[in-house]
């Protein structure tokens, strides 16, 4: 009786969809994918998001606001330059397919990290360059990456990119999500 109870308890934890999807008599290996988040601010979030969405191993992106003082800011709030938020992209990725280091390289290569509070014609604190790390490992990698670029003198001016702990991320309004993709555009970067 005890064996029957244990078997019934185990069966209760198998999702019904998994049982229905498996052919009769087949054994199916259930795979789990580890996902991680990375958050980057590199100017207008439309082009930054479009760039990261092209990377193999990136599972999803969302644009929003982070690094500020106001809860649940709107785009209009952030544009006042009084909330302290940056326009940012939160990247969800599979670390078995793309390493954080590769995401950092994409970040550095697709904006000017030497201009404080500005990217191209966009000016304001919300357009600053920042890496918002989600773990001590991300912090160490981001700092090492920045130090390497500085030691190699990859830029004519000093790098002003902030490297700070990720805080609350407020998803931007729906019309900002995948903005360029929805309009058939590929980029709006001005480097």
Protein backbone atom coordinates (compact mmCIF):
# COMPACT_ATOMS: atom_id res chain seq x y z
CA UNK A 1 0.00 0.00 0.00
CA UNK A 2 2.85 2.38 0.87
CA UNK A 3 4.47 1.78 -2.56
CA UNK A 4 1.20 2.55 -4.31
CA UNK A 5 0.85 5.80 -2.35
CA UNK A 6 4.40 6.92 -3.26
CA UNK A 7 3.81 6.10 -6.95
CA UNK A 8 0.55 8.02 -6.98
CA UNK A 9 2.22 10.98 -5.30
CA UNK A 10 4.96 11.02 -7.95
CA UNK A 11 2.47 10.81 -10.82
CA UNK A 12 0.66 13.83 -9.41
CA UNK A 13 3.76 15.96 -10.09
CA UNK A 14 4.04 15.10 -13.79
CA UNK A 15 2.41 17.86 -15.89
CA UNK A 16 -0.64 16.57 -17.75
CA UNK A 17 0.57 18.12 -21.01
CA UNK A 18 3.84 16.15 -20.78
CA UNK A 19 1.96 12.90 -20.31
CA UNK A 20 -0.45 13.64 -23.17
CA UNK A 21 2.36 14.69 -25.54
CA UNK A 22 4.46 11.54 -25.01
CA UNK A 23 3.75 8.62 -27.33
CA UNK A 24 2.36 5.57 -25.56
CA UNK A 25 5.16 3.51 -24.06
CA UNK A 26 7.82 6.15 -24.82
CA UNK A 27 10.13 7.51 -22.16
CA UNK A 28 10.69 11.23 -22.49
CA UNK A 29 13.61 13.06 -20.98
CA UNK A 30 12.52 16.38 -19.46
CA UNK A 31 15.07 19.12 -20.12
CA UNK A 32 15.49 22.26 -18.12
CA UNK A 33 17.04 25.39 -19.53
CA UNK A 34 18.89 27.75 -17.27
CA UNK A 35 18.14 31.37 -18.05
CA UNK A 36 19.82 34.51 -16.83
CA UNK A 37 19.13 38.21 -17.14
CA UNK A 38 21.42 41.02 -18.22
CA UNK A 39 20.45 44.69 -18.26
CA UNK A 40 22.11 47.37 -20.37
CA UNK A 41 21.56 51.09 -20.95
CA UNK A 42 23.17 52.46 -24.10
CA UNK A 43 21.04 55.38 -25.27
CA UNK A 44 17.65 55.06 -26.93
CA UNK A 45 16.40 51.60 -26.06
CA UNK A 46 14.80 50.90 -29.45
CA UNK A 47 18.07 50.26 -31.30
CA UNK A 48 19.73 48.58 -28.32
CA UNK A 49 16.86 46.10 -28.07
CA UNK A 50 16.94 45.37 -31.82
CA UNK A 51 20.67 44.64 -31.63
CA UNK A 52 20.37 42.19 -28.72
CA UNK A 53 17.38 40.40 -30.27
CA UNK A 54 19.65 39.27 -33.12
CA UNK A 55 22.04 37.38 -30.82
CA UNK A 56 21.73 33.59 -30.82
CA UNK A 57 20.99 32.48 -27.27
CA UNK A 58 18.97 35.58 -26.41
CA UNK A 59 15.54 34.25 -25.52
CA UNK A 60 13.68 37.53 -25.04
CA UNK A 61 14.12 41.23 -24.46
CA UNK A 62 12.05 43.99 -22.97
CA UNK A 63 12.70 47.71 -22.84
CA UNK A 64 12.06 49.77 -19.77
CA UNK A 65 13.39 52.10 -17.14
CA UNK A 66 15.81 51.38 -14.31
CA UNK A 67 18.34 53.03 -12.04
CA UNK A 68 16.10 55.84 -10.89
CA UNK A 69 14.22 57.19 -7.90
CA UNK A 70 10.59 57.08 -9.04
CA UNK A 71 8.39 53.99 -8.88
CA UNK A 72 6.56 52.95 -12.07
CA UNK A 73 7.68 55.89 -14.21
CA UNK A 74 6.12 56.53 -17.60
CA UNK A 75 8.07 57.49 -20.71
CA UNK A 76 6.92 61.07 -20.21
CA UNK A 77 8.20 61.01 -16.59
CA UNK A 78 11.61 59.69 -17.65
CA UNK A 79 11.90 62.31 -20.40
CA UNK A 80 11.66 65.11 -17.82
CA UNK A 81 15.18 64.11 -16.74
CA UNK A 82 14.00 64.23 -13.09
CA UNK A 83 13.41 60.53 -12.29
CA UNK A 84 17.02 59.36 -12.54
CA UNK A 85 16.07 56.40 -14.73
CA UNK A 86 17.93 55.16 -17.76
CA UNK A 87 16.26 53.76 -20.84
CA UNK A 88 17.42 50.15 -20.65
CA UNK A 89 17.03 46.72 -22.18
CA UNK A 90 16.54 43.65 -20.03
CA UNK A 91 17.92 40.64 -21.89
CA UNK A 92 16.88 37.10 -20.93
CA UNK A 93 19.41 34.62 -22.29
CA UNK A 94 20.53 31.00 -22.19
CA UNK A 95 24.11 30.99 -20.84
CA UNK A 96 24.76 27.62 -22.50
CA UNK A 97 24.28 29.33 -25.89
CA UNK A 98 25.67 32.81 -25.30
CA UNK A 99 28.06 33.92 -22.60
CA UNK A 100 27.66 37.14 -20.63
CA UNK A 101 31.04 38.20 -22.01
CA UNK A 102 29.61 38.09 -25.54
CA UNK A 103 26.67 40.26 -24.46
CA UNK A 104 29.14 42.73 -22.96
CA UNK A 105 31.01 42.86 -26.28
CA UNK A 106 27.78 43.65 -28.12
CA UNK A 107 27.07 46.39 -25.58
CA UNK A 108 30.50 48.03 -25.98
CA UNK A 109 30.47 47.80 -29.78
CA UNK A 110 27.05 49.36 -30.30
CA UNK A 111 27.22 52.70 -28.54
CA UNK A 112 29.68 55.37 -27.44
CA UNK A 113 30.51 54.68 -23.78
CA UNK A 114 32.52 57.90 -23.51
CA UNK A 115 29.68 60.41 -23.68
CA UNK A 116 27.98 61.14 -20.37
CA UNK A 117 24.18 61.33 -20.61
CA UNK A 118 24.17 61.33 -24.39
CA UNK A 119 24.04 59.04 -27.42
CA UNK A 120 24.00 60.74 -30.80
CA UNK A 121 21.32 63.44 -30.82
CA UNK A 122 19.66 62.08 -27.65
CA UNK A 123 20.65 64.07 -24.57
CA UNK A 124 19.66 63.50 -20.95
CA UNK A 125 20.37 61.28 -17.97
CA UNK A 126 18.02 58.62 -19.41
CA UNK A 127 20.50 58.11 -22.31
CA UNK A 128 23.51 57.33 -20.12
CA UNK A 129 25.72 54.30 -20.59
CA UNK A 130 25.28 51.74 -17.80
CA UNK A 131 25.56 48.05 -17.03
CA UNK A 132 23.16 46.85 -14.34
CA UNK A 133 24.58 43.60 -12.99
CA UNK A 134 22.42 40.81 -11.53
CA UNK A 135 25.14 38.81 -9.75
CA UNK A 136 28.65 39.20 -8.34
CA UNK A 137 29.92 37.26 -11.38
CA UNK A 138 28.31 39.74 -13.78
CA UNK A 139 29.76 42.62 -11.78
CA UNK A 140 33.27 41.15 -11.97
CA UNK A 141 32.97 40.43 -15.69
CA UNK A 142 31.62 43.91 -16.46
CA UNK A 143 34.40 45.62 -14.49
CA UNK A 144 37.07 43.42 -16.11
CA UNK A 145 35.64 44.12 -19.55
CA UNK A 146 35.67 47.87 -18.95
CA UNK A 147 39.21 47.73 -17.53
CA UNK A 148 40.39 45.77 -20.56
CA UNK A 149 38.94 48.34 -22.97
CA UNK A 150 40.54 51.16 -20.98
CA UNK A 151 43.95 49.44 -20.93
CA UNK A 152 43.76 48.84 -24.69
CA UNK A 153 42.80 52.50 -25.30
CA UNK A 154 39.90 51.42 -27.52
CA UNK A 155 38.31 54.86 -27.18
CA UNK A 156 39.84 58.34 -27.49
CA UNK A 157 38.06 59.56 -24.35
CA UNK A 158 37.61 57.94 -20.94
CA UNK A 159 34.78 55.41 -20.57
CA UNK A 160 31.98 56.85 -18.40
CA UNK A 161 29.80 53.72 -18.29
CA UNK A 162 28.31 53.08 -14.86
CA UNK A 163 28.48 49.54 -13.49
CA UNK A 164 25.87 49.24 -10.76
CA UNK A 165 23.64 46.65 -9.15
CA UNK A 166 20.35 46.01 -10.92
CA UNK A 167 17.37 47.41 -9.08
CA UNK A 168 13.71 47.50 -10.01
CA UNK A 169 13.09 47.32 -13.76
CA UNK A 170 9.91 49.00 -14.96
CA UNK A 171 8.69 47.70 -18.31
CA UNK A 172 8.11 50.51 -20.78
CA UNK A 173 4.80 51.09 -22.49
CA UNK A 174 3.82 48.43 -25.03
CA UNK A 175 4.37 50.68 -28.05
CA UNK A 176 8.09 50.83 -27.13
CA UNK A 177 8.51 47.03 -27.09
CA UNK A 178 10.23 45.81 -30.28
CA UNK A 179 9.57 49.28 -31.67
CA UNK A 180 11.86 49.03 -34.71
CA UNK A 181 10.83 45.46 -35.54
CA UNK A 182 7.15 46.43 -35.58
CA UNK A 183 7.96 49.15 -38.11
CA UNK A 184 10.18 47.07 -40.38
CA UNK A 185 13.30 48.97 -39.37
CA UNK A 186 16.59 47.40 -38.35
CA UNK A 187 18.38 50.14 -36.46
CA UNK A 188 18.34 53.70 -35.24
CA UNK A 189 21.87 53.69 -33.84
CA UNK A 190 23.97 56.77 -34.30
CA UNK A 191 27.44 55.99 -33.06
